[in-house]
Each structure stands twice: as structure tokens, then as C-alpha cells.
Amino acid sequence: MVNAAARFQSPLRDAPTPHVDTRALTAHCVAQMRGVTERQTADLAGIDAKAVLVVDMDNIDLASTSYVQKGEAPGSGDPLHYDAFIYRLCKLYGRRFR
């Protein structure tokens, strides 16, 4: 989960803190997740599947929270898109638990 909100109210601070460059920060976080190893078989190291969900949540107006599907967020067809994550899990678990 990556928060791309332009401002954010931390419960640890009195005032909202603006992000310096949310586009660059989001791109950085997505790029870092691309480097996380997915295991190819059950006996190898790595995680079973990975995804990046990008949200806009300022922690002030919770009703305005939204799922981001543009910009730096992984789009349809990207291996980090949620659909690819679910597909990979279903495929892996289907093979593993037949």
C-alpha cells in the first residue's frame, strides 16, 4: 500500500505535513517493490506474490479516500497490478494444493 496523498495528518503530529513530491515518492516505492523476489517454486526463497495498491488518503477527510489508478500506480497488465497478484496466487495455490 502506497499513499500518494498531497497532504497527510500523522497521528504523531499536530499539523498536516505536505509531501514534497508525491509522484516521485510513489514511483520510488513502486520501483522498490519491483525488486522484491517472488519465489518460483515452494522450496525457494521469496514471497508468493506481490502487488502495489496506491491510495490517496490524507487521514483528515477519510470519506475522500480513493484508490489511485493513474500516474505512477501500476496499471492493468503490470505485474504489480492487483489483478496480476490475484491471478498469480490462484495459479500457485492451485498447483500446490491440488
PDB file of N, CA and C in Angstrom:
ATOM      1  N   MET A   1       0.851  -1.158   0.000  1.00  0.00           N
ATOM      2  CA  MET A   1       0.000   0.000   0.000  1.00  0.00           C
ATOM      3  C   MET A   1       0.899   1.223   0.000  1.00  0.00           C
ATOM      4  N   VAL A   2       0.698   2.089  -0.980  1.00  0.00           N
ATOM      5  CA  VAL A   2       1.447   3.337  -1.088  1.00  0.00           C
ATOM      6  C   VAL A   2       0.453   4.481  -1.025  1.00  0.00           C
ATOM      7  N   ASN A   3       0.718   5.444  -0.166  1.00  0.00           N
ATOM      8  CA  ASN A   3      -0.159   6.600  -0.032  1.00  0.00           C
ATOM      9  C   ASN A   3       0.391   7.744  -0.872  1.00  0.00           C
ATOM     10  N   ALA A   4      -0.388   8.184  -1.849  1.00  0.00           N
ATOM     11  CA  ALA A   4       0.037   9.261  -2.745  1.00  0.00           C
ATOM     12  C   ALA A   4      -0.664  10.583  -2.425  1.00  0.00           C
ATOM     13  N   ALA A   5      -1.144  10.734  -1.202  1.00  0.00           N
ATOM     14  CA  ALA A   5      -1.846  11.958  -0.818  1.00  0.00           C
ATOM     15  C   ALA A   5      -0.893  13.148  -0.809  1.00  0.00           C
ATOM     16  N   ALA A   6      -1.386  14.289  -1.274  1.00  0.00           N
ATOM     17  CA  ALA A   6      -0.575  15.505  -1.312  1.00  0.00           C
ATOM     18  C   ALA A   6      -0.323  16.057   0.087  1.00  0.00           C
ATOM     19  N   ARG A   7      -1.209  15.756   1.025  1.00  0.00           N
ATOM     20  CA  ARG A   7      -1.011  16.144   2.422  1.00  0.00           C
ATOM     21  C   ARG A   7      -1.391  14.947   3.280  1.00  0.00           C
ATOM     22  N   PHE A   8      -0.873  14.933   4.492  1.00  0.00           N
ATOM     23  CA  PHE A   8      -1.153  13.807   5.377  1.00  0.00           C
ATOM     24  C   PHE A   8      -1.094  14.274   6.824  1.00  0.00           C
ATOM     25  N   GLN A   9      -2.094  13.868   7.576  1.00  0.00           N
ATOM     26  CA  GLN A   9      -2.123  14.192   9.005  1.00  0.00           C
ATOM     27  C   GLN A   9      -1.659  12.974   9.783  1.00  0.00           C
ATOM     28  N   SER A  10      -0.469  13.041  10.301  1.00  0.00           N
ATOM     29  CA  SER A  10       0.049  11.948  11.114  1.00  0.00           C
ATOM     30  C   SER A  10      -0.567  12.028  12.500  1.00  0.00           C
ATOM     31  N   PRO A  11      -0.926  10.902  13.081  1.00  0.00           N
ATOM     32  CA  PRO A  11      -1.439  10.942  14.450  1.00  0.00           C
ATOM     33  C   PRO A  11      -0.357  11.355  15.446  1.00  0.00           C
ATOM     34  N   LEU A  12       0.889  11.407  14.991  1.00  0.00           N
ATOM     35  CA  LEU A  12       2.000  11.772  15.874  1.00  0.00           C
ATOM     36  C   LEU A  12       2.373  13.256  15.784  1.00  0.00           C
ATOM     37  N   ARG A  13       1.681  14.012  14.911  1.00  0.00           N
ATOM     38  CA  ARG A  13       1.990  15.446  14.746  1.00  0.00           C
ATOM     39  C   ARG A  13       0.725  16.279  14.893  1.00  0.00           C
ATOM     40  N   ASP A  14       0.910  17.549  15.254  1.00  0.00           N
ATOM     41  CA  ASP A  14      -0.237  18.440  15.440  1.00  0.00           C
ATOM     42  C   ASP A  14      -0.807  18.971  14.132  1.00  0.00           C
ATOM     43  N   ALA A  15       0.031  19.176  13.145  1.00  0.00           N
ATOM     44  CA  ALA A  15      -0.410  19.777  11.882  1.00  0.00           C
ATOM     45  C   ALA A  15      -0.155  18.826  10.717  1.00  0.00           C
ATOM     46  N   PRO A  16      -0.976  18.945   9.658  1.00  0.00           N
ATOM     47  CA  PRO A  16      -0.732  18.119   8.475  1.00  0.00           C
ATOM     48  C   PRO A  16       0.647  18.422   7.875  1.00  0.00           C
ATOM     49  N   THR A  17       1.275  17.417   7.347  1.00  0.00           N
ATOM     50  CA  THR A  17       2.566  17.604   6.687  1.00  0.00           C
ATOM     51  C   THR A  17       2.413  17.320   5.206  1.00  0.00           C
ATOM     52  N   PRO A  18       2.774  18.291   4.364  1.00  0.00           N
ATOM     53  CA  PRO A  18       2.683  18.049   2.922  1.00  0.00           C
ATOM     54  C   PRO A  18       3.832  17.154   2.460  1.00  0.00           C
ATOM     55  N   HIS A  19       3.555  16.321   1.474  1.00  0.00           N
ATOM     56  CA  HIS A  19       4.618  15.532   0.858  1.00  0.00           C
ATOM     57  C   HIS A  19       5.376  16.437  -0.098  1.00  0.00           C
ATOM     58  N   VAL A  20       6.643  16.242  -0.225  1.00  0.00           N
ATOM     59  CA  VAL A  20       7.455  17.074  -1.098  1.00  0.00           C
ATOM     60  C   VAL A  20       7.106  16.833  -2.559  1.00  0.00           C
ATOM     61  N   ASP A  21       7.147  15.607  -3.013  1.00  0.00           N
ATOM     62  CA  ASP A  21       6.849  15.263  -4.402  1.00  0.00           C
ATOM     63  C   ASP A  21       6.197  13.889  -4.411  1.00  0.00           C
ATOM     64  N   THR A  22       4.884  13.834  -4.314  1.00  0.00           N
ATOM     65  CA  THR A  22       4.198  12.548  -4.193  1.00  0.00           C
ATOM     66  C   THR A  22       4.387  11.685  -5.430  1.00  0.00           C
ATOM     67  N   ARG A  23       4.507  12.290  -6.592  1.00  0.00           N
ATOM     68  CA  ARG A  23       4.701  11.498  -7.820  1.00  0.00           C
ATOM     69  C   ARG A  23       6.035  10.756  -7.770  1.00  0.00           C
ATOM     70  N   ALA A  24       7.087  11.442  -7.393  1.00  0.00           N
ATOM     71  CA  ALA A  24       8.416  10.825  -7.309  1.00  0.00           C
ATOM     72  C   ALA A  24       8.460   9.798  -6.187  1.00  0.00           C
ATOM     73  N   LEU A  25       7.834  10.105  -5.058  1.00  0.00           N
ATOM     74  CA  LEU A  25       7.827   9.178  -3.931  1.00  0.00           C
ATOM     75  C   LEU A  25       7.059   7.902  -4.274  1.00  0.00           C
ATOM     76  N   THR A  26       5.930   8.048  -4.937  1.00  0.00           N
ATOM     77  CA  THR A  26       5.152   6.890  -5.364  1.00  0.00           C
ATOM     78  C   THR A  26       5.945   6.049  -6.355  1.00  0.00           C
ATOM     79  N   ALA A  27       6.578   6.696  -7.326  1.00  0.00           N
ATOM     80  CA  ALA A  27       7.394   5.980  -8.316  1.00  0.00           C
ATOM     81  C   ALA A  27       8.530   5.230  -7.634  1.00  0.00           C
ATOM     82  N   HIS A  28       9.149   5.852  -6.645  1.00  0.00           N
ATOM     83  CA  HIS A  28      10.238   5.211  -5.904  1.00  0.00           C
ATOM     84  C   HIS A  28       9.738   3.950  -5.178  1.00  0.00           C
ATOM     85  N   CYS A  29       8.596   4.066  -4.500  1.00  0.00           N
ATOM     86  CA  CYS A  29       8.049   2.930  -3.762  1.00  0.00           C
ATOM     87  C   CYS A  29       7.673   1.783  -4.701  1.00  0.00           C
ATOM     88  N   VAL A  30       7.069   2.106  -5.838  1.00  0.00           N
ATOM     89  CA  VAL A  30       6.710   1.078  -6.823  1.00  0.00           C
ATOM     90  C   VAL A  30       7.979   0.409  -7.351  1.00  0.00           C
ATOM     91  N   ALA A  31       9.000   1.187  -7.643  1.00  0.00           N
ATOM     92  CA  ALA A  31      10.268   0.632  -8.138  1.00  0.00           C
ATOM     93  C   ALA A  31      10.913  -0.284  -7.100  1.00  0.00           C
ATOM     94  N   GLN A  32      10.846   0.091  -5.844  1.00  0.00           N
ATOM     95  CA  GLN A  32      11.410  -0.750  -4.786  1.00  0.00           C
ATOM     96  C   GLN A  32      10.678  -2.092  -4.709  1.00  0.00           C
ATOM     97  N   MET A  33       9.374  -2.073  -4.883  1.00  0.00           N
ATOM     98  CA  MET A  33       8.603  -3.314  -4.826  1.00  0.00           C
ATOM     99  C   MET A  33       8.932  -4.219  -6.002  1.00  0.00           C
ATOM    100  N   ARG A  34       9.281  -3.643  -7.135  1.00  0.00           N
ATOM    101  CA  ARG A  34       9.662  -4.457  -8.298  1.00  0.00           C
ATOM    102  C   ARG A  34      10.890  -5.310  -7.985  1.00  0.00           C
ATOM    103  N   GLY A  35      11.730  -4.844  -7.082  1.00  0.00           N
ATOM    104  CA  GLY A  35      12.940  -5.572  -6.726  1.00  0.00           C
ATOM    105  C   GLY A  35      12.740  -6.686  -5.715  1.00  0.00           C
ATOM    106  N   VAL A  36      11.553  -6.803  -5.148  1.00  0.00           N
ATOM    107  CA  VAL A  36      11.283  -7.858  -4.178  1.00  0.00           C
ATOM    108  C   VAL A  36      11.134  -9.189  -4.928  1.00  0.00           C
ATOM    109  N   THR A  37      11.824 -10.208  -4.446  1.00  0.00           N
ATOM    110  CA  THR A  37      11.844 -11.505  -5.115  1.00  0.00           C
ATOM    111  C   THR A  37      10.559 -12.291  -4.885  1.00  0.00           C
ATOM    112  N   GLU A  38      10.005 -12.785  -5.996  1.00  0.00           N
ATOM    113  CA  GLU A  38       8.892 -13.721  -5.926  1.00  0.00           C
ATOM    114  C   GLU A  38       9.463 -15.118  -6.112  1.00  0.00           C
ATOM    115  N   ARG A  39       9.065 -16.027  -5.262  1.00  0.00           N
ATOM    116  CA  ARG A  39       9.575 -17.406  -5.384  1.00  0.00           C
ATOM    117  C   ARG A  39       8.998 -18.053  -6.638  1.00  0.00           C
ATOM    118  N   GLN A  40       9.794 -18.889  -7.261  1.00  0.00           N
ATOM    119  CA  GLN A  40       9.343 -19.602  -8.451  1.00  0.00           C
ATOM    120  C   GLN A  40       8.788 -20.989  -8.123  1.00  0.00           C
ATOM    121  N   THR A  41       9.253 -21.555  -7.007  1.00  0.00           N
ATOM    122  CA  THR A  41       8.715 -22.826  -6.513  1.00  0.00           C
ATOM    123  C   THR A  41       8.611 -22.724  -4.998  1.00  0.00           C
ATOM    124  N   ALA A  42       7.835 -23.622  -4.402  1.00  0.00           N
ATOM    125  CA  ALA A  42       7.566 -23.563  -2.968  1.00  0.00           C
ATOM    126  C   ALA A  42       8.824 -23.710  -2.116  1.00  0.00           C
ATOM    127  N   ASP A  43       9.873 -24.330  -2.650  1.00  0.00           N
ATOM    128  CA  ASP A  43      11.079 -24.545  -1.849  1.00  0.00           C
ATOM    129  C   ASP A  43      12.125 -23.443  -2.015  1.00  0.00           C
ATOM    130  N   LEU A  44      11.853 -22.423  -2.810  1.00  0.00           N
ATOM    131  CA  LEU A  44      12.791 -21.313  -2.992  1.00  0.00           C
ATOM    132  C   LEU A  44      12.419 -20.125  -2.111  1.00  0.00           C
ATOM    133  N   ALA A  45      13.390 -19.234  -1.921  1.00  0.00           N
ATOM    134  CA  ALA A  45      13.157 -18.018  -1.126  1.00  0.00           C
ATOM    135  C   ALA A  45      12.328 -17.019  -1.917  1.00  0.00           C
ATOM    136  N   GLY A  46      11.645 -16.159  -1.197  1.00  0.00           N
ATOM    137  CA  GLY A  46      10.854 -15.096  -1.810  1.00  0.00           C
ATOM    138  C   GLY A  46       9.403 -15.190  -1.371  1.00  0.00           C
ATOM    139  N   ILE A  47       8.640 -14.209  -1.790  1.00  0.00           N
ATOM    140  CA  ILE A  47       7.214 -14.204  -1.451  1.00  0.00           C
ATOM    141  C   ILE A  47       6.424 -14.864  -2.580  1.00  0.00           C
ATOM    142  N   ASP A  48       5.226 -15.311  -2.277  1.00  0.00           N
ATOM    143  CA  ASP A  48       4.414 -15.981  -3.293  1.00  0.00           C
ATOM    144  C   ASP A  48       3.959 -15.027  -4.387  1.00  0.00           C
ATOM    145  N   ALA A  49       3.536 -13.847  -4.014  1.00  0.00           N
ATOM    146  CA  ALA A  49       3.035 -12.881  -4.996  1.00  0.00           C
ATOM    147  C   ALA A  49       3.185 -11.475  -4.416  1.00  0.00           C
ATOM    148  N   LYS A  50       3.192 -10.488  -5.283  1.00  0.00           N
ATOM    149  CA  LYS A  50       3.329  -9.099  -4.814  1.00  0.00           C
ATOM    150  C   LYS A  50       2.429  -8.186  -5.637  1.00  0.00           C
ATOM    151  N   ALA A  51       2.038  -7.102  -5.012  1.00  0.00           N
ATOM    152  CA  ALA A  51       1.203  -6.090  -5.657  1.00  0.00           C
ATOM    153  C   ALA A  51       1.468  -4.761  -4.993  1.00  0.00           C
ATOM    154  N   VAL A  52       1.156  -3.693  -5.697  1.00  0.00           N
ATOM    155  CA  VAL A  52       1.222  -2.355  -5.125  1.00  0.00           C
ATOM    156  C   VAL A  52      -0.140  -1.706  -5.334  1.00  0.00           C
ATOM    157  N   LEU A  53      -0.772  -1.336  -4.242  1.00  0.00           N
ATOM    158  CA  LEU A  53      -2.021  -0.587  -4.292  1.00  0.00           C
ATOM    159  C   LEU A  53      -1.697   0.841  -3.904  1.00  0.00           C
ATOM    160  N   VAL A  54      -2.104   1.787  -4.734  1.00  0.00           N
ATOM    161  CA  VAL A  54      -1.854   3.195  -4.465  1.00  0.00           C
ATOM    162  C   VAL A  54      -3.175   3.844  -4.059  1.00  0.00           C
ATOM    163  N   VAL A  55      -3.143   4.546  -2.934  1.00  0.00           N
ATOM    164  CA  VAL A  55      -4.327   5.237  -2.434  1.00  0.00           C
ATOM    165  C   VAL A  55      -4.007   6.715  -2.222  1.00  0.00           C
ATOM    166  N   ASP A  56      -5.051   7.505  -2.159  1.00  0.00           N
ATOM    167  CA  ASP A  56      -4.944   8.917  -1.784  1.00  0.00           C
ATOM    168  C   ASP A  56      -5.742   9.047  -0.494  1.00  0.00           C
ATOM    169  N   MET A  57      -5.024   9.066   0.627  1.00  0.00           N
ATOM    170  CA  MET A  57      -5.675   9.120   1.942  1.00  0.00           C
ATOM    171  C   MET A  57      -4.933  10.110   2.817  1.00  0.00           C
ATOM    172  N   ASP A  58      -5.559  11.253   3.077  1.00  0.00           N
ATOM    173  CA  ASP A  58      -4.881  12.297   3.845  1.00  0.00           C
ATOM    174  C   ASP A  58      -5.001  12.104   5.358  1.00  0.00           C
ATOM    175  N   ASN A  59      -5.804  11.154   5.809  1.00  0.00           N
ATOM    176  CA  ASN A  59      -6.011  10.885   7.235  1.00  0.00           C
ATOM    177  C   ASN A  59      -6.715  12.048   7.947  1.00  0.00           C
ATOM    178  N   ILE A  60      -7.322  12.925   7.158  1.00  0.00           N
ATOM    179  CA  ILE A  60      -8.085  14.060   7.691  1.00  0.00           C
ATOM    180  C   ILE A  60      -9.552  13.877   7.317  1.00  0.00           C
ATOM    181  N   ASP A  61      -9.812  13.781   6.013  1.00  0.00           N
ATOM    182  CA  ASP A  61     -11.156  13.559   5.493  1.00  0.00           C
ATOM    183  C   ASP A  61     -11.211  12.122   4.965  1.00  0.00           C
ATOM    184  N   LEU A  62     -11.487  11.176   5.843  1.00  0.00           N
ATOM    185  CA  LEU A  62     -11.431   9.762   5.481  1.00  0.00           C
ATOM    186  C   LEU A  62     -12.415   9.389   4.383  1.00  0.00           C
ATOM    187  N   ALA A  63     -13.538  10.101   4.296  1.00  0.00           N
ATOM    188  CA  ALA A  63     -14.535   9.815   3.266  1.00  0.00           C
ATOM    189  C   ALA A  63     -14.011  10.128   1.865  1.00  0.00           C
ATOM    190  N   SER A  64     -12.989  10.951   1.763  1.00  0.00           N
ATOM    191  CA  SER A  64     -12.439  11.299   0.443  1.00  0.00           C
ATOM    192  C   SER A  64     -11.344  10.330  -0.015  1.00  0.00           C
ATOM    193  N   THR A  65     -11.044   9.328   0.792  1.00  0.00           N
ATOM    194  CA  THR A  65     -10.022   8.344   0.433  1.00  0.00           C
ATOM    195  C   THR A  65     -10.395   7.671  -0.877  1.00  0.00           C
ATOM    196  N   SER A  66      -9.407   7.535  -1.762  1.00  0.00           N
ATOM    197  CA  SER A  66      -9.682   6.902  -3.052  1.00  0.00           C
ATOM    198  C   SER A  66      -8.535   6.004  -3.483  1.00  0.00           C
ATOM    199  N   TYR A  67      -8.873   5.046  -4.322  1.00  0.00           N
ATOM    200  CA  TYR A  67      -7.926   4.131  -4.932  1.00  0.00           C
ATOM    201  C   TYR A  67      -7.399   4.821  -6.184  1.00  0.00           C
ATOM    202  N   VAL A  68      -6.090   4.927  -6.331  1.00  0.00           N
ATOM    203  CA  VAL A  68      -5.475   5.624  -7.460  1.00  0.00           C
ATOM    204  C   VAL A  68      -5.165   4.617  -8.563  1.00  0.00           C
ATOM    205  N   GLN A  69      -5.624   4.929  -9.781  1.00  0.00           N
ATOM    206  CA  GLN A  69      -5.429   4.019 -10.905  1.00  0.00           C
ATOM    207  C   GLN A  69      -4.686   4.687 -12.066  1.00  0.00           C
ATOM    208  N   LYS A  70      -4.050   5.802 -11.807  1.00  0.00           N
ATOM    209  CA  LYS A  70      -3.351   6.523 -12.876  1.00  0.00           C
ATOM    210  C   LYS A  70      -1.991   6.966 -12.373  1.00  0.00           C
ATOM    211  N   GLY A  71      -1.261   7.665 -13.195  1.00  0.00           N
ATOM    212  CA  GLY A  71       0.046   8.168 -12.795  1.00  0.00           C
ATOM    213  C   GLY A  71       1.027   7.043 -12.554  1.00  0.00           C
ATOM    214  N   GLU A  72       1.619   7.027 -11.384  1.00  0.00           N
ATOM    215  CA  GLU A  72       2.654   6.047 -11.056  1.00  0.00           C
ATOM    216  C   GLU A  72       2.082   4.713 -10.572  1.00  0.00           C
ATOM    217  N   ALA A  73       0.784   4.625 -10.381  1.00  0.00           N
ATOM    218  CA  ALA A  73       0.162   3.380  -9.928  1.00  0.00           C
ATOM    219  C   ALA A  73       0.273   2.315 -11.016  1.00  0.00           C
ATOM    220  N   PRO A  74       0.552   1.073 -10.644  1.00  0.00           N
ATOM    221  CA  PRO A  74       0.622   0.006 -11.647  1.00  0.00           C
ATOM    222  C   PRO A  74      -0.715  -0.140 -12.368  1.00  0.00           C
ATOM    223  N   GLY A  75      -0.669  -0.149 -13.682  1.00  0.00           N
ATOM    224  CA  GLY A  75      -1.881  -0.271 -14.482  1.00  0.00           C
ATOM    225  C   GLY A  75      -2.172  -1.705 -14.869  1.00  0.00           C
ATOM    226  N   SER A  76      -3.297  -1.905 -15.514  1.00  0.00           N
ATOM    227  CA  SER A  76      -3.692  -3.223 -15.977  1.00  0.00           C
ATOM    228  C   SER A  76      -2.592  -3.805 -16.863  1.00  0.00           C
ATOM    229  N   GLY A  77      -2.240  -5.062 -16.624  1.00  0.00           N
ATOM    230  CA  GLY A  77      -1.171  -5.704 -17.375  1.00  0.00           C
ATOM    231  C   GLY A  77       0.183  -5.629 -16.696  1.00  0.00           C
ATOM    232  N   ASP A  78       0.343  -4.736 -15.743  1.00  0.00           N
ATOM    233  CA  ASP A  78       1.595  -4.609 -14.994  1.00  0.00           C
ATOM    234  C   ASP A  78       1.660  -5.756 -13.982  1.00  0.00           C
ATOM    235  N   PRO A  79       2.820  -6.396 -13.824  1.00  0.00           N
ATOM    236  CA  PRO A  79       2.935  -7.489 -12.856  1.00  0.00           C
ATOM    237  C   PRO A  79       2.625  -7.079 -11.411  1.00  0.00           C
ATOM    238  N   LEU A  80       2.674  -5.789 -11.109  1.00  0.00           N
ATOM    239  CA  LEU A  80       2.359  -5.328  -9.757  1.00  0.00           C
ATOM    240  C   LEU A  80       0.895  -4.929  -9.590  1.00  0.00           C
ATOM    241  N   HIS A  81       0.108  -5.017 -10.647  1.00  0.00           N
ATOM    242  CA  HIS A  81      -1.313  -4.683 -10.566  1.00  0.00           C
ATOM    243  C   HIS A  81      -2.031  -5.731  -9.719  1.00  0.00           C
ATOM    244  N   TYR A  82      -3.066  -5.336  -9.022  1.00  0.00           N
ATOM    245  CA  TYR A  82      -3.803  -6.237  -8.133  1.00  0.00           C
ATOM    246  C   TYR A  82      -4.341  -7.469  -8.867  1.00  0.00           C
ATOM    247  N   ASP A  83      -4.818  -7.294 -10.099  1.00  0.00           N
ATOM    248  CA  ASP A  83      -5.335  -8.432 -10.864  1.00  0.00           C
ATOM    249  C   ASP A  83      -4.249  -9.479 -11.102  1.00  0.00           C
ATOM    250  N   ALA A  84      -3.027  -9.041 -11.407  1.00  0.00           N
ATOM    251  CA  ALA A  84      -1.912  -9.967 -11.626  1.00  0.00           C
ATOM    252  C   ALA A  84      -1.568 -10.689 -10.321  1.00  0.00           C
ATOM    253  N   PHE A  85      -1.657  -9.990  -9.213  1.00  0.00           N
ATOM    254  CA  PHE A  85      -1.411 -10.554  -7.893  1.00  0.00           C
ATOM    255  C   PHE A  85      -2.388 -11.703  -7.608  1.00  0.00           C
ATOM    256  N   ILE A  86      -3.671 -11.458  -7.807  1.00  0.00           N
ATOM    257  CA  ILE A  86      -4.698 -12.473  -7.551  1.00  0.00           C
ATOM    258  C   ILE A  86      -4.524 -13.651  -8.512  1.00  0.00           C
ATOM    259  N   TYR A  87      -4.248 -13.378  -9.770  1.00  0.00           N
ATOM    260  CA  TYR A  87      -4.048 -14.440 -10.759  1.00  0.00           C
ATOM    261  C   TYR A  87      -2.880 -15.331 -10.351  1.00  0.00           C
ATOM    262  N   ARG A  88      -1.772 -14.707  -9.946  1.00  0.00           N
ATOM    263  CA  ARG A  88      -0.589 -15.481  -9.558  1.00  0.00           C
ATOM    264  C   ARG A  88      -0.877 -16.347  -8.328  1.00  0.00           C
ATOM    265  N   LEU A  89      -1.537 -15.780  -7.331  1.00  0.00           N
ATOM    266  CA  LEU A  89      -1.872 -16.567  -6.142  1.00  0.00           C
ATOM    267  C   LEU A  89      -2.768 -17.751  -6.481  1.00  0.00           C
ATOM    268  N   CYS A  90      -3.773 -17.531  -7.298  1.00  0.00           N
ATOM    269  CA  CYS A  90      -4.678 -18.620  -7.672  1.00  0.00           C
ATOM    270  C   CYS A  90      -3.920 -19.716  -8.418  1.00  0.00           C
ATOM    271  N   LYS A  91      -3.048 -19.312  -9.325  1.00  0.00           N
ATOM    272  CA  LYS A  91      -2.263 -20.281 -10.091  1.00  0.00           C
ATOM    273  C   LYS A  91      -1.324 -21.074  -9.186  1.00  0.00           C
ATOM    274  N   LEU A  92      -0.583 -20.376  -8.322  1.00  0.00           N
ATOM    275  CA  LEU A  92       0.359 -21.041  -7.427  1.00  0.00           C
ATOM    276  C   LEU A  92      -0.345 -21.975  -6.439  1.00  0.00           C
ATOM    277  N   TYR A  93      -1.378 -21.488  -5.810  1.00  0.00           N
ATOM    278  CA  TYR A  93      -2.070 -22.296  -4.813  1.00  0.00           C
ATOM    279  C   TYR A  93      -2.831 -23.438  -5.470  1.00  0.00           C
ATOM    280  N   GLY A  94      -3.330 -23.231  -6.673  1.00  0.00           N
ATOM    281  CA  GLY A  94      -3.985 -24.297  -7.408  1.00  0.00           C
ATOM    282  C   GLY A  94      -3.031 -25.445  -7.685  1.00  0.00           C
ATOM    283  N   ARG A  95      -1.802 -25.110  -8.061  1.00  0.00           N
ATOM    284  CA  ARG A  95      -0.785 -26.144  -8.303  1.00  0.00           C
ATOM    285  C   ARG A  95      -0.351 -26.818  -7.007  1.00  0.00           C
ATOM    286  N   ARG A  96      -0.165 -26.015  -5.971  1.00  0.00           N
ATOM    287  CA  ARG A  96       0.375 -26.515  -4.712  1.00  0.00           C
ATOM    288  C   ARG A  96      -0.611 -27.396  -3.956  1.00  0.00           C
ATOM    289  N   PHE A  97      -1.897 -27.085  -4.006  1.00  0.00           N
ATOM    290  CA  PHE A  97      -2.865 -27.787  -3.177  1.00  0.00           C
ATOM    291  C   PHE A  97      -3.858 -28.635  -3.988  1.00  0.00           C
ATOM    292  N   ARG A  98      -3.448 -29.129  -5.125  1.00  0.00           N
ATOM    293  CA  ARG A  98      -4.333 -29.995  -5.930  1.00  0.00           C
ATOM    294  C   ARG A  98      -4.656 -31.263  -5.218  1.00  0.00           C
TER     295      ARG A  98
END
